[in-house]
Amino acid sequence: MDVPMMVAAQEILTLVVSVIVLSRSSSLVVDNIVKLSRFFNVSQVAIGFVLLAVATSLPELSVSVVSSALGEGAIAAGNVFGSNIANILLVLGIGAYLYGLRISAGDLKDIGLVLLLTTIISVYIVFNSSVGQKALGFPEGILLLGVFAAYVWYTLKRNKVETGNGNGQVAKKEALNAFLLFGVGVMAVLVSSGFVVSSAVSLAKSFGISESFIGATIIAIGTSLPELSIDLQAIRKKHYGVALGDAIGSNMANITLVLGAAAAINPIVVTLPVFITALLFAVIANTLLLYVAAVDKGMKRGAGMLFLAVYAIYLVLAFTLQINELSAP
């Protein structure tokens, strides 16, 4: 066996093992976060909105803070909105297509509020960017961090559930064990996701696939791999609140905590058409989800196919604009 074939075989083995670890650790996260929601007497949506969403947004937070510190704020903003689009159109789209997704009336109110807030912030950034001004500076960054803090407080207060509601109580020792296993599971998800993306990129390069196409597909999907793996496990186990809370809560964490931290470190200036496209598709994704959730009280296979189709259009458009931007004199 020649060296390239050996390298390819090694990458395939790494990819397979990483996917297995990703699946098992995602299941561990879901099982234990349900226990934590019972212990804290908050709904699954609330625990997904706050604890799980922040945990799965750690990759975006680290990338955005580092890039902003290096003066590359546009990368931070592009990472945030690209991830937000994938969380709704790709993650929930795949979940709806494979399993279907139910949304209760109570969850719909919380979802609607978060989608409204993220849409308003996105529209504001689109407007500022379109008129050539800086998208976000230090004051806006501090304001976004304040919005995140208020959002966490409101979510936990709003989603308290009555004790003795039939969900079953969780003892402190069991809750502590669940928290430790949750932490271990999240770390395993993040690490295995990184290995999956790294192996997929290496395999793609070995087959001669262009780096720009890799960036628009594998890397774009890879940033939302933690949400995707955890939420698919949650939907499969019919913990719909966990999946919704994570996917939509991650978007709220991205646009307030992640983007706010990046803007507070360095002003973010964006002029690229690719970025404006990402912002607009983020608004489209929010509007589409709110409409489907309000009308159908859930997402069926047809809605999942629609979401995936819109995501494919976004990827094609972003890739085309990227190529045009690079080829422009």
C-alpha atoms as a PDB file:
ATOM      1  CA  MET A   1       0.000   0.000   0.000  1.00  0.00           C
ATOM      2  CA  ASP A   2       1.507   3.366  -1.079  1.00  0.00           C
ATOM      3  CA  VAL A   3       1.758   6.352   1.259  1.00  0.00           C
ATOM      4  CA  PRO A   4      -1.307   8.299  -0.069  1.00  0.00           C
ATOM      5  CA  MET A   5      -3.501   5.211   0.291  1.00  0.00           C
ATOM      6  CA  MET A   6      -2.208   4.624   3.835  1.00  0.00           C
ATOM      7  CA  VAL A   7      -2.937   8.247   4.755  1.00  0.00           C
ATOM      8  CA  ALA A   8      -6.444   7.971   3.262  1.00  0.00           C
ATOM      9  CA  ALA A   9      -7.090   4.724   5.155  1.00  0.00           C
ATOM     10  CA  GLN A  10      -5.923   6.351   8.391  1.00  0.00           C
ATOM     11  CA  GLU A  11      -8.202   9.361   7.835  1.00  0.00           C
ATOM     12  CA  ILE A  12     -11.161   7.090   7.087  1.00  0.00           C
ATOM     13  CA  LEU A  13     -10.529   5.115  10.279  1.00  0.00           C
ATOM     14  CA  THR A  14     -10.260   8.375  12.262  1.00  0.00           C
ATOM     15  CA  LEU A  15     -13.477   9.619  10.680  1.00  0.00           C
ATOM     16  CA  VAL A  16     -15.410   6.438  11.501  1.00  0.00           C
ATOM     17  CA  VAL A  17     -14.185   6.297  15.122  1.00  0.00           C
ATOM     18  CA  SER A  18     -14.885  10.017  15.593  1.00  0.00           C
ATOM     19  CA  VAL A  19     -18.436   9.675  14.279  1.00  0.00           C
ATOM     20  CA  ILE A  20     -19.091   6.769  16.660  1.00  0.00           C
ATOM     21  CA  VAL A  21     -17.713   8.756  19.617  1.00  0.00           C
ATOM     22  CA  LEU A  22     -19.751  11.778  18.503  1.00  0.00           C
ATOM     23  CA  SER A  23     -22.964   9.747  18.425  1.00  0.00           C
ATOM     24  CA  ARG A  24     -22.408   8.094  21.817  1.00  0.00           C
ATOM     25  CA  SER A  25     -21.325  11.308  23.555  1.00  0.00           C
ATOM     26  CA  SER A  26     -24.319  13.189  22.090  1.00  0.00           C
ATOM     27  CA  SER A  27     -26.644  10.579  23.547  1.00  0.00           C
ATOM     28  CA  LEU A  28     -24.878  10.976  26.923  1.00  0.00           C
ATOM     29  CA  VAL A  29     -25.391  14.757  26.788  1.00  0.00           C
ATOM     30  CA  VAL A  30     -29.113  14.449  26.023  1.00  0.00           C
ATOM     31  CA  ASP A  31     -29.806  11.898  28.753  1.00  0.00           C
ATOM     32  CA  ASN A  32     -28.103  13.961  31.432  1.00  0.00           C
ATOM     33  CA  ILE A  33     -29.425  17.359  30.436  1.00  0.00           C
ATOM     34  CA  VAL A  34     -32.959  15.995  30.819  1.00  0.00           C
ATOM     35  CA  LYS A  35     -32.059  14.987  34.383  1.00  0.00           C
ATOM     36  CA  LEU A  36     -30.680  18.479  35.038  1.00  0.00           C
ATOM     37  CA  SER A  37     -33.874  20.106  33.775  1.00  0.00           C
ATOM     38  CA  ARG A  38     -35.832  18.039  36.289  1.00  0.00           C
ATOM     39  CA  PHE A  39     -33.431  18.863  39.114  1.00  0.00           C
ATOM     40  CA  PHE A  40     -33.596  22.623  38.490  1.00  0.00           C
ATOM     41  CA  ASN A  41     -37.365  22.479  37.855  1.00  0.00           C
ATOM     42  CA  VAL A  42     -37.083  24.241  34.515  1.00  0.00           C
ATOM     43  CA  SER A  43     -38.425  23.140  31.155  1.00  0.00           C
ATOM     44  CA  GLN A  44     -36.296  21.243  28.642  1.00  0.00           C
ATOM     45  CA  VAL A  45     -36.509  24.253  26.326  1.00  0.00           C
ATOM     46  CA  ALA A  46     -35.044  26.509  29.053  1.00  0.00           C
ATOM     47  CA  ILE A  47     -32.169  24.166  29.873  1.00  0.00           C
ATOM     48  CA  GLY A  48     -31.478  23.863  26.148  1.00  0.00           C
ATOM     49  CA  PHE A  49     -31.735  27.642  25.663  1.00  0.00           C
ATOM     50  CA  VAL A  50     -29.145  28.378  28.349  1.00  0.00           C
ATOM     51  CA  LEU A  51     -26.842  25.550  29.477  1.00  0.00           C
ATOM     52  CA  LEU A  52     -26.685  23.408  26.339  1.00  0.00           C
ATOM     53  CA  ALA A  53     -26.746  26.344  23.914  1.00  0.00           C
ATOM     54  CA  VAL A  54     -23.808  28.068  25.592  1.00  0.00           C
ATOM     55  CA  ALA A  55     -21.863  24.799  25.799  1.00  0.00           C
ATOM     56  CA  THR A  56     -22.300  24.020  22.091  1.00  0.00           C
ATOM     57  CA  SER A  57     -21.444  27.646  21.188  1.00  0.00           C
ATOM     58  CA  LEU A  58     -17.984  27.391  22.787  1.00  0.00           C
ATOM     59  CA  PRO A  59     -16.258  26.756  19.403  1.00  0.00           C
ATOM     60  CA  GLU A  60     -17.851  29.883  17.907  1.00  0.00           C
ATOM     61  CA  LEU A  61     -16.956  31.877  21.039  1.00  0.00           C
ATOM     62  CA  SER A  62     -13.296  30.866  20.952  1.00  0.00           C
ATOM     63  CA  VAL A  63     -12.965  31.485  17.192  1.00  0.00           C
ATOM     64  CA  SER A  64     -14.697  34.868  17.397  1.00  0.00           C
ATOM     65  CA  VAL A  65     -12.748  36.151  20.412  1.00  0.00           C
ATOM     66  CA  VAL A  66      -9.389  35.149  18.918  1.00  0.00           C
ATOM     67  CA  SER A  67     -10.187  36.552  15.461  1.00  0.00           C
ATOM     68  CA  SER A  68     -11.483  39.790  16.965  1.00  0.00           C
ATOM     69  CA  ALA A  69      -8.372  40.159  19.115  1.00  0.00           C
ATOM     70  CA  LEU A  70      -6.317  39.810  15.921  1.00  0.00           C
ATOM     71  CA  GLY A  71      -8.390  42.528  14.237  1.00  0.00           C
ATOM     72  CA  GLU A  72     -10.317  40.115  12.014  1.00  0.00           C
ATOM     73  CA  GLY A  73     -13.802  40.977  13.257  1.00  0.00           C
ATOM     74  CA  ALA A  74     -15.428  40.116   9.928  1.00  0.00           C
ATOM     75  CA  ILE A  75     -14.380  36.493  10.443  1.00  0.00           C
ATOM     76  CA  ALA A  76     -16.065  36.492  13.844  1.00  0.00           C
ATOM     77  CA  ALA A  77     -19.280  37.932  12.411  1.00  0.00           C
ATOM     78  CA  GLY A  78     -19.268  35.586   9.423  1.00  0.00           C
ATOM     79  CA  ASN A  79     -18.710  32.613  11.713  1.00  0.00           C
ATOM     80  CA  VAL A  80     -21.649  33.634  13.913  1.00  0.00           C
ATOM     81  CA  PHE A  81     -24.186  34.131  11.146  1.00  0.00           C
ATOM     82  CA  GLY A  82     -23.041  31.142   9.118  1.00  0.00           C
ATOM     83  CA  SER A  83     -23.520  28.994  12.224  1.00  0.00           C
ATOM     84  CA  ASN A  84     -26.941  30.526  12.928  1.00  0.00           C
ATOM     85  CA  ILE A  85     -28.181  29.698   9.436  1.00  0.00           C
ATOM     86  CA  ALA A  86     -26.939  26.117   9.750  1.00  0.00           C
ATOM     87  CA  ASN A  87     -28.517  25.671  13.199  1.00  0.00           C
ATOM     88  CA  ILE A  88     -32.000  26.366  11.865  1.00  0.00           C
ATOM     89  CA  LEU A  89     -31.967  25.296   8.217  1.00  0.00           C
ATOM     90  CA  LEU A  90     -29.541  22.364   8.489  1.00  0.00           C
ATOM     91  CA  VAL A  91     -29.857  21.050  12.055  1.00  0.00           C
ATOM     92  CA  LEU A  92     -33.635  21.399  12.458  1.00  0.00           C
ATOM     93  CA  GLY A  93     -34.127  20.597   8.767  1.00  0.00           C
ATOM     94  CA  ILE A  94     -32.377  17.234   9.069  1.00  0.00           C
ATOM     95  CA  GLY A  95     -34.139  16.507  12.361  1.00  0.00           C
ATOM     96  CA  ALA A  96     -37.551  17.248  10.853  1.00  0.00           C
ATOM     97  CA  TYR A  97     -36.819  15.238   7.713  1.00  0.00           C
ATOM     98  CA  LEU A  98     -35.638  12.157   9.631  1.00  0.00           C
ATOM     99  CA  TYR A  99     -37.928  12.137  12.678  1.00  0.00           C
ATOM    100  CA  GLY A 100     -40.392  15.025  12.633  1.00  0.00           C
ATOM    101  CA  LEU A 101     -40.516  17.692  15.323  1.00  0.00           C
ATOM    102  CA  ARG A 102     -43.410  18.783  17.548  1.00  0.00           C
ATOM    103  CA  ILE A 103     -43.622  22.270  19.073  1.00  0.00           C
ATOM    104  CA  SER A 104     -45.960  22.969  21.989  1.00  0.00           C
ATOM    105  CA  ALA A 105     -47.860  26.227  22.386  1.00  0.00           C
ATOM    106  CA  GLY A 106     -45.757  27.172  25.422  1.00  0.00           C
ATOM    107  CA  ASP A 107     -42.500  26.493  23.603  1.00  0.00           C
ATOM    108  CA  LEU A 108     -43.743  28.519  20.624  1.00  0.00           C
ATOM    109  CA  LYS A 109     -43.898  31.695  22.752  1.00  0.00           C
ATOM    110  CA  ASP A 110     -40.292  31.309  23.886  1.00  0.00           C
ATOM    111  CA  ILE A 111     -39.142  30.422  20.368  1.00  0.00           C
ATOM    112  CA  GLY A 112     -40.974  33.418  18.930  1.00  0.00           C
ATOM    113  CA  LEU A 113     -39.336  35.811  21.407  1.00  0.00           C
ATOM    114  CA  VAL A 114     -35.820  34.560  20.685  1.00  0.00           C
ATOM    115  CA  LEU A 115     -36.370  34.573  16.912  1.00  0.00           C
ATOM    116  CA  LEU A 116     -37.761  38.113  17.120  1.00  0.00           C
ATOM    117  CA  LEU A 117     -34.740  39.356  19.085  1.00  0.00           C
ATOM    118  CA  THR A 118     -32.190  37.699  16.801  1.00  0.00           C
ATOM    119  CA  THR A 119     -34.034  39.021  13.731  1.00  0.00           C
ATOM    120  CA  ILE A 120     -34.098  42.612  15.039  1.00  0.00           C
ATOM    121  CA  ILE A 121     -30.372  42.480  15.831  1.00  0.00           C
ATOM    122  CA  SER A 122     -29.624  40.955  12.409  1.00  0.00           C
ATOM    123  CA  VAL A 123     -31.644  43.640  10.582  1.00  0.00           C
ATOM    124  CA  TYR A 124     -29.824  46.364  12.523  1.00  0.00           C
ATOM    125  CA  ILE A 125     -26.452  44.944  11.496  1.00  0.00           C
ATOM    126  CA  VAL A 126     -27.607  44.574   7.867  1.00  0.00           C
ATOM    127  CA  PHE A 127     -28.658  48.247   7.815  1.00  0.00           C
ATOM    128  CA  ASN A 128     -25.414  49.505   9.342  1.00  0.00           C
ATOM    129  CA  SER A 129     -23.331  47.365   7.000  1.00  0.00           C
ATOM    130  CA  SER A 130     -25.286  48.402   3.898  1.00  0.00           C
ATOM    131  CA  VAL A 131     -24.675  52.110   4.497  1.00  0.00           C
ATOM    132  CA  GLY A 132     -20.952  51.552   4.934  1.00  0.00           C
ATOM    133  CA  GLN A 133     -20.760  52.105   8.674  1.00  0.00           C
ATOM    134  CA  LYS A 134     -19.117  49.788  11.170  1.00  0.00           C
ATOM    135  CA  ALA A 135     -21.508  46.994  12.027  1.00  0.00           C
ATOM    136  CA  LEU A 136     -20.681  46.777  15.717  1.00  0.00           C
ATOM    137  CA  GLY A 137     -18.455  48.761  18.081  1.00  0.00           C
ATOM    138  CA  PHE A 138     -17.688  48.668  21.800  1.00  0.00           C
ATOM    139  CA  PRO A 139     -21.062  50.185  22.926  1.00  0.00           C
ATOM    140  CA  GLU A 140     -23.008  47.708  20.798  1.00  0.00           C
ATOM    141  CA  GLY A 141     -20.847  44.853  22.115  1.00  0.00           C
ATOM    142  CA  ILE A 142     -21.587  45.759  25.745  1.00  0.00           C
ATOM    143  CA  LEU A 143     -25.272  46.144  24.882  1.00  0.00           C
ATOM    144  CA  LEU A 144     -25.353  42.671  23.301  1.00  0.00           C
ATOM    145  CA  LEU A 145     -23.693  41.149  26.373  1.00  0.00           C
ATOM    146  CA  GLY A 146     -26.347  42.864  28.511  1.00  0.00           C
ATOM    147  CA  VAL A 147     -29.086  41.455  26.277  1.00  0.00           C
ATOM    148  CA  PHE A 148     -27.612  37.976  26.755  1.00  0.00           C
ATOM    149  CA  ALA A 149     -27.606  38.343  30.552  1.00  0.00           C
ATOM    150  CA  ALA A 150     -31.213  39.579  30.529  1.00  0.00           C
ATOM    151  CA  TYR A 151     -32.192  36.754  28.185  1.00  0.00           C
ATOM    152  CA  VAL A 152     -30.710  34.118  30.514  1.00  0.00           C
ATOM    153  CA  TRP A 153     -32.473  35.624  33.543  1.00  0.00           C
ATOM    154  CA  TYR A 154     -35.823  35.849  31.760  1.00  0.00           C
ATOM    155  CA  THR A 155     -35.589  32.337  30.289  1.00  0.00           C
ATOM    156  CA  LEU A 156     -34.875  30.659  33.617  1.00  0.00           C
ATOM    157  CA  LYS A 157     -37.573  32.661  35.409  1.00  0.00           C
ATOM    158  CA  ARG A 158     -40.157  32.231  32.650  1.00  0.00           C
ATOM    159  CA  ASN A 159     -39.602  28.483  32.294  1.00  0.00           C
ATOM    160  CA  LYS A 160     -39.849  27.367  35.908  1.00  0.00           C
ATOM    161  CA  VAL A 161     -42.093  24.323  36.098  1.00  0.00           C
ATOM    162  CA  GLU A 162     -44.256  23.212  38.955  1.00  0.00           C
ATOM    163  CA  THR A 163     -42.808  20.618  41.293  1.00  0.00           C
ATOM    164  CA  GLY A 164     -44.622  17.323  41.382  1.00  0.00           C
ATOM    165  CA  ASN A 165     -45.660  17.630  37.745  1.00  0.00           C
ATOM    166  CA  GLY A 166     -45.016  13.983  37.026  1.00  0.00           C
ATOM    167  CA  ASN A 167     -41.542  14.432  35.579  1.00  0.00           C
ATOM    168  CA  GLY A 168     -39.935  12.923  38.639  1.00  0.00           C
ATOM    169  CA  GLN A 169     -37.522  14.592  41.020  1.00  0.00           C
ATOM    170  CA  VAL A 170     -33.761  14.148  40.858  1.00  0.00           C
ATOM    171  CA  ALA A 171     -31.643  13.889  44.015  1.00  0.00           C
ATOM    172  CA  LYS A 172     -28.624  16.161  44.497  1.00  0.00           C
ATOM    173  CA  LYS A 173     -26.162  13.294  44.162  1.00  0.00           C
ATOM    174  CA  GLU A 174     -27.780  12.144  40.930  1.00  0.00           C
ATOM    175  CA  ALA A 175     -27.849  15.740  39.662  1.00  0.00           C
ATOM    176  CA  LEU A 176     -24.152  16.208  40.408  1.00  0.00           C
ATOM    177  CA  ASN A 177     -23.366  12.992  38.597  1.00  0.00           C
ATOM    178  CA  ALA A 178     -25.531  14.135  35.684  1.00  0.00           C
ATOM    179  CA  PHE A 179     -23.702  17.482  35.539  1.00  0.00           C
ATOM    180  CA  LEU A 180     -20.302  15.773  35.476  1.00  0.00           C
ATOM    181  CA  LEU A 181     -21.420  13.360  32.752  1.00  0.00           C
ATOM    182  CA  PHE A 182     -22.957  16.274  30.846  1.00  0.00           C
ATOM    183  CA  GLY A 183     -19.617  18.113  30.966  1.00  0.00           C
ATOM    184  CA  VAL A 184     -17.703  15.029  29.863  1.00  0.00           C
ATOM    185  CA  GLY A 185     -20.230  14.444  27.076  1.00  0.00           C
ATOM    186  CA  VAL A 186     -19.996  18.024  25.793  1.00  0.00           C
ATOM    187  CA  MET A 187     -16.194  17.911  25.751  1.00  0.00           C
ATOM    188  CA  ALA A 188     -16.294  14.589  23.899  1.00  0.00           C
ATOM    189  CA  VAL A 189     -18.762  16.073  21.393  1.00  0.00           C
ATOM    190  CA  LEU A 190     -16.550  19.117  20.756  1.00  0.00           C
ATOM    191  CA  VAL A 191     -13.346  17.087  20.429  1.00  0.00           C
ATOM    192  CA  SER A 192     -14.858  14.357  18.232  1.00  0.00           C
ATOM    193  CA  SER A 193     -16.519  17.022  16.043  1.00  0.00           C
ATOM    194  CA  GLY A 194     -13.100  18.571  15.479  1.00  0.00           C
ATOM    195  CA  PHE A 195     -11.669  15.204  14.451  1.00  0.00           C
ATOM    196  CA  VAL A 196     -14.602  14.563  12.098  1.00  0.00           C
ATOM    197  CA  VAL A 197     -14.100  17.895  10.328  1.00  0.00           C
ATOM    198  CA  SER A 198     -10.298  17.524  10.202  1.00  0.00           C
ATOM    199  CA  SER A 199     -10.522  14.013   8.726  1.00  0.00           C
ATOM    200  CA  ALA A 200     -13.193  15.040   6.209  1.00  0.00           C
ATOM    201  CA  VAL A 201     -11.082  17.998   5.041  1.00  0.00           C
ATOM    202  CA  SER A 202      -7.988  15.799   4.658  1.00  0.00           C
ATOM    203  CA  LEU A 203      -9.936  13.220   2.652  1.00  0.00           C
ATOM    204  CA  ALA A 204     -11.463  15.924   0.448  1.00  0.00           C
ATOM    205  CA  LYS A 205      -8.014  17.378  -0.281  1.00  0.00           C
ATOM    206  CA  SER A 206      -6.633  13.930  -1.097  1.00  0.00           C
ATOM    207  CA  PHE A 207      -9.333  13.592  -3.766  1.00  0.00           C
ATOM    208  CA  GLY A 208      -8.410  16.964  -5.269  1.00  0.00           C
ATOM    209  CA  ILE A 209     -11.450  18.928  -4.073  1.00  0.00           C
ATOM    210  CA  SER A 210     -10.818  22.694  -3.986  1.00  0.00           C
ATOM    211  CA  GLU A 211     -10.276  24.446  -0.658  1.00  0.00           C
ATOM    212  CA  SER A 212     -12.967  27.050  -1.397  1.00  0.00           C
ATOM    213  CA  PHE A 213     -15.558  24.328  -1.878  1.00  0.00           C
ATOM    214  CA  ILE A 214     -14.339  22.601   1.301  1.00  0.00           C
ATOM    215  CA  GLY A 215     -14.787  25.847   3.206  1.00  0.00           C
ATOM    216  CA  ALA A 216     -18.301  26.382   1.876  1.00  0.00           C
ATOM    217  CA  THR A 217     -19.434  22.854   2.708  1.00  0.00           C
ATOM    218  CA  ILE A 218     -17.430  20.756   5.180  1.00  0.00           C
ATOM    219  CA  ILE A 219     -16.233  23.635   7.381  1.00  0.00           C
ATOM    220  CA  ALA A 220     -19.604  25.388   7.291  1.00  0.00           C
ATOM    221  CA  ILE A 221     -21.397  22.231   8.352  1.00  0.00           C
ATOM    222  CA  GLY A 222     -18.641  21.305  10.792  1.00  0.00           C
ATOM    223  CA  THR A 223     -19.168  24.458  12.883  1.00  0.00           C
ATOM    224  CA  SER A 224     -22.693  23.244  13.668  1.00  0.00           C
ATOM    225  CA  LEU A 225     -21.767  19.583  14.112  1.00  0.00           C
ATOM    226  CA  PRO A 226     -22.112  19.665  17.942  1.00  0.00           C
ATOM    227  CA  GLU A 227     -25.654  21.072  17.671  1.00  0.00           C
ATOM    228  CA  LEU A 228     -26.490  18.669  14.855  1.00  0.00           C
ATOM    229  CA  SER A 229     -25.352  15.524  16.656  1.00  0.00           C
ATOM    230  CA  ILE A 230     -26.895  16.449  20.021  1.00  0.00           C
ATOM    231  CA  ASP A 231     -30.189  17.694  18.570  1.00  0.00           C
ATOM    232  CA  LEU A 232     -30.690  14.638  16.358  1.00  0.00           C
ATOM    233  CA  GLN A 233     -30.276  12.441  19.430  1.00  0.00           C
ATOM    234  CA  ALA A 234     -32.731  14.636  21.350  1.00  0.00           C
ATOM    235  CA  ILE A 235     -35.339  14.514  18.563  1.00  0.00           C
ATOM    236  CA  ARG A 236     -34.868  10.757  18.154  1.00  0.00           C
ATOM    237  CA  LYS A 237     -35.567  10.341  21.880  1.00  0.00           C
ATOM    238  CA  LYS A 238     -38.565  12.718  21.576  1.00  0.00           C
ATOM    239  CA  HIS A 239     -36.984  15.382  23.803  1.00  0.00           C
ATOM    240  CA  TYR A 240     -38.110  18.075  21.377  1.00  0.00           C
ATOM    241  CA  GLY A 241     -37.641  20.911  23.861  1.00  0.00           C
ATOM    242  CA  VAL A 242     -33.948  20.096  24.266  1.00  0.00           C
ATOM    243  CA  ALA A 243     -33.380  20.168  20.500  1.00  0.00           C
ATOM    244  CA  LEU A 244     -35.302  23.412  19.974  1.00  0.00           C
ATOM    245  CA  GLY A 245     -33.695  25.074  22.965  1.00  0.00           C
ATOM    246  CA  ASP A 246     -30.200  24.128  21.804  1.00  0.00           C
ATOM    247  CA  ALA A 247     -30.584  25.070  18.131  1.00  0.00           C
ATOM    248  CA  ILE A 248     -32.383  28.370  18.710  1.00  0.00           C
ATOM    249  CA  GLY A 249     -30.628  29.160  21.990  1.00  0.00           C
ATOM    250  CA  SER A 250     -27.260  28.683  20.271  1.00  0.00           C
ATOM    251  CA  ASN A 251     -28.301  31.340  17.772  1.00  0.00           C
ATOM    252  CA  MET A 252     -29.171  33.726  20.610  1.00  0.00           C
ATOM    253  CA  ALA A 253     -25.871  32.970  22.357  1.00  0.00           C
ATOM    254  CA  ASN A 254     -23.979  33.476  19.100  1.00  0.00           C
ATOM    255  CA  ILE A 255     -25.522  36.830  18.247  1.00  0.00           C
ATOM    256  CA  THR A 256     -25.360  38.269  21.790  1.00  0.00           C
ATOM    257  CA  LEU A 257     -22.626  36.550  23.837  1.00  0.00           C
ATOM    258  CA  VAL A 258     -20.255  35.594  21.002  1.00  0.00           C
ATOM    259  CA  LEU A 259     -20.726  38.633  18.762  1.00  0.00           C
ATOM    260  CA  GLY A 260     -20.942  40.972  21.770  1.00  0.00           C
ATOM    261  CA  ALA A 261     -17.644  39.716  23.178  1.00  0.00           C
ATOM    262  CA  ALA A 262     -15.974  40.066  19.781  1.00  0.00           C
ATOM    263  CA  ALA A 263     -17.292  43.610  19.260  1.00  0.00           C
ATOM    264  CA  ALA A 264     -16.283  44.667  22.776  1.00  0.00           C
ATOM    265  CA  ILE A 265     -12.709  43.591  22.041  1.00  0.00           C
ATOM    266  CA  ASN A 266     -12.451  45.230  18.610  1.00  0.00           C
ATOM    267  CA  PRO A 267     -14.952  47.100  16.393  1.00  0.00           C
ATOM    268  CA  ILE A 268     -16.351  44.889  13.637  1.00  0.00           C
ATOM    269  CA  VAL A 269     -16.364  46.368  10.133  1.00  0.00           C
ATOM    270  CA  VAL A 270     -17.941  44.365   7.288  1.00  0.00           C
ATOM    271  CA  THR A 271     -18.407  45.233   3.625  1.00  0.00           C
ATOM    272  CA  LEU A 272     -18.341  41.862   1.876  1.00  0.00           C
ATOM    273  CA  PRO A 273     -21.420  40.827  -0.163  1.00  0.00           C
ATOM    274  CA  VAL A 274     -20.964  37.308   1.228  1.00  0.00           C
ATOM    275  CA  PHE A 275     -21.506  38.630   4.751  1.00  0.00           C
ATOM    276  CA  ILE A 276     -24.625  40.606   3.800  1.00  0.00           C
ATOM    277  CA  THR A 277     -25.992  37.450   2.168  1.00  0.00           C
ATOM    278  CA  ALA A 278     -25.379  35.494   5.379  1.00  0.00           C
ATOM    279  CA  LEU A 279     -27.203  38.144   7.416  1.00  0.00           C
ATOM    280  CA  LEU A 280     -30.191  38.152   5.092  1.00  0.00           C
ATOM    281  CA  PHE A 281     -30.407  34.352   5.076  1.00  0.00           C
ATOM    282  CA  ALA A 282     -30.238  34.381   8.882  1.00  0.00           C
ATOM    283  CA  VAL A 283     -33.340  36.600   8.874  1.00  0.00           C
ATOM    284  CA  ILE A 284     -35.004  34.349   6.271  1.00  0.00           C
ATOM    285  CA  ALA A 285     -34.260  31.250   8.367  1.00  0.00           C
ATOM    286  CA  ASN A 286     -35.780  32.863  11.483  1.00  0.00           C
ATOM    287  CA  THR A 287     -38.905  33.958   9.611  1.00  0.00           C
ATOM    288  CA  LEU A 288     -39.327  30.566   7.971  1.00  0.00           C
ATOM    289  CA  LEU A 289     -39.054  28.701  11.286  1.00  0.00           C
ATOM    290  CA  LEU A 290     -41.484  31.024  13.049  1.00  0.00           C
ATOM    291  CA  TYR A 291     -44.022  30.658  10.239  1.00  0.00           C
ATOM    292  CA  VAL A 292     -43.798  26.855  10.108  1.00  0.00           C
ATOM    293  CA  ALA A 293     -43.915  26.563  13.913  1.00  0.00           C
ATOM    294  CA  ALA A 294     -46.948  28.852  14.215  1.00  0.00           C
ATOM    295  CA  VAL A 295     -48.917  27.272  11.368  1.00  0.00           C
ATOM    296  CA  ASP A 296     -48.074  23.572  11.733  1.00  0.00           C
ATOM    297  CA  LYS A 297     -47.209  23.465  15.491  1.00  0.00           C
ATOM    298  CA  GLY A 298     -44.142  21.529  14.499  1.00  0.00           C
ATOM    299  CA  MET A 299     -41.971  20.497  11.575  1.00  0.00           C
ATOM    300  CA  LYS A 300     -42.832  17.532   9.391  1.00  0.00           C
ATOM    301  CA  ARG A 301     -40.799  15.875   6.643  1.00  0.00           C
ATOM    302  CA  GLY A 302     -41.962  18.369   4.020  1.00  0.00           C
ATOM    303  CA  ALA A 303     -40.809  21.312   6.150  1.00  0.00           C
ATOM    304  CA  GLY A 304     -37.479  19.586   6.703  1.00  0.00           C
ATOM    305  CA  MET A 305     -37.002  19.219   2.951  1.00  0.00           C
ATOM    306  CA  LEU A 306     -37.869  22.908   2.467  1.00  0.00           C
ATOM    307  CA  PHE A 307     -35.334  23.994   5.098  1.00  0.00           C
ATOM    308  CA  LEU A 308     -32.606  21.844   3.552  1.00  0.00           C
ATOM    309  CA  ALA A 309     -33.391  23.205   0.081  1.00  0.00           C
ATOM    310  CA  VAL A 310     -33.103  26.803   1.319  1.00  0.00           C
ATOM    311  CA  TYR A 311     -29.802  25.936   3.019  1.00  0.00           C
ATOM    312  CA  ALA A 312     -28.502  24.463  -0.252  1.00  0.00           C
ATOM    313  CA  ILE A 313     -29.462  27.703  -2.047  1.00  0.00           C
ATOM    314  CA  TYR A 314     -27.574  29.683   0.593  1.00  0.00           C
ATOM    315  CA  LEU A 315     -24.435  27.548   0.155  1.00  0.00           C
ATOM    316  CA  VAL A 316     -24.531  27.892  -3.636  1.00  0.00           C
ATOM    317  CA  LEU A 317     -25.079  31.656  -3.453  1.00  0.00           C
ATOM    318  CA  ALA A 318     -22.374  32.179  -0.808  1.00  0.00           C
ATOM    319  CA  PHE A 319     -19.936  30.041  -2.801  1.00  0.00           C
ATOM    320  CA  THR A 320     -20.701  31.978  -6.019  1.00  0.00           C
ATOM    321  CA  LEU A 321     -20.266  35.351  -4.321  1.00  0.00           C
ATOM    322  CA  GLN A 322     -17.018  34.146  -2.770  1.00  0.00           C
ATOM    323  CA  ILE A 323     -15.642  33.161  -6.164  1.00  0.00           C
ATOM    324  CA  ASN A 324     -16.714  36.488  -7.692  1.00  0.00           C
ATOM    325  CA  GLU A 325     -15.111  38.391  -4.812  1.00  0.00           C
ATOM    326  CA  LEU A 326     -11.823  36.552  -5.290  1.00  0.00           C
ATOM    327  CA  SER A 327     -11.831  37.054  -9.067  1.00  0.00           C
ATOM    328  CA  ALA A 328     -12.685  40.781  -8.871  1.00  0.00           C
ATOM    329  CA  PRO A 329      -9.760  43.090  -9.855  1.00  0.00           C
END
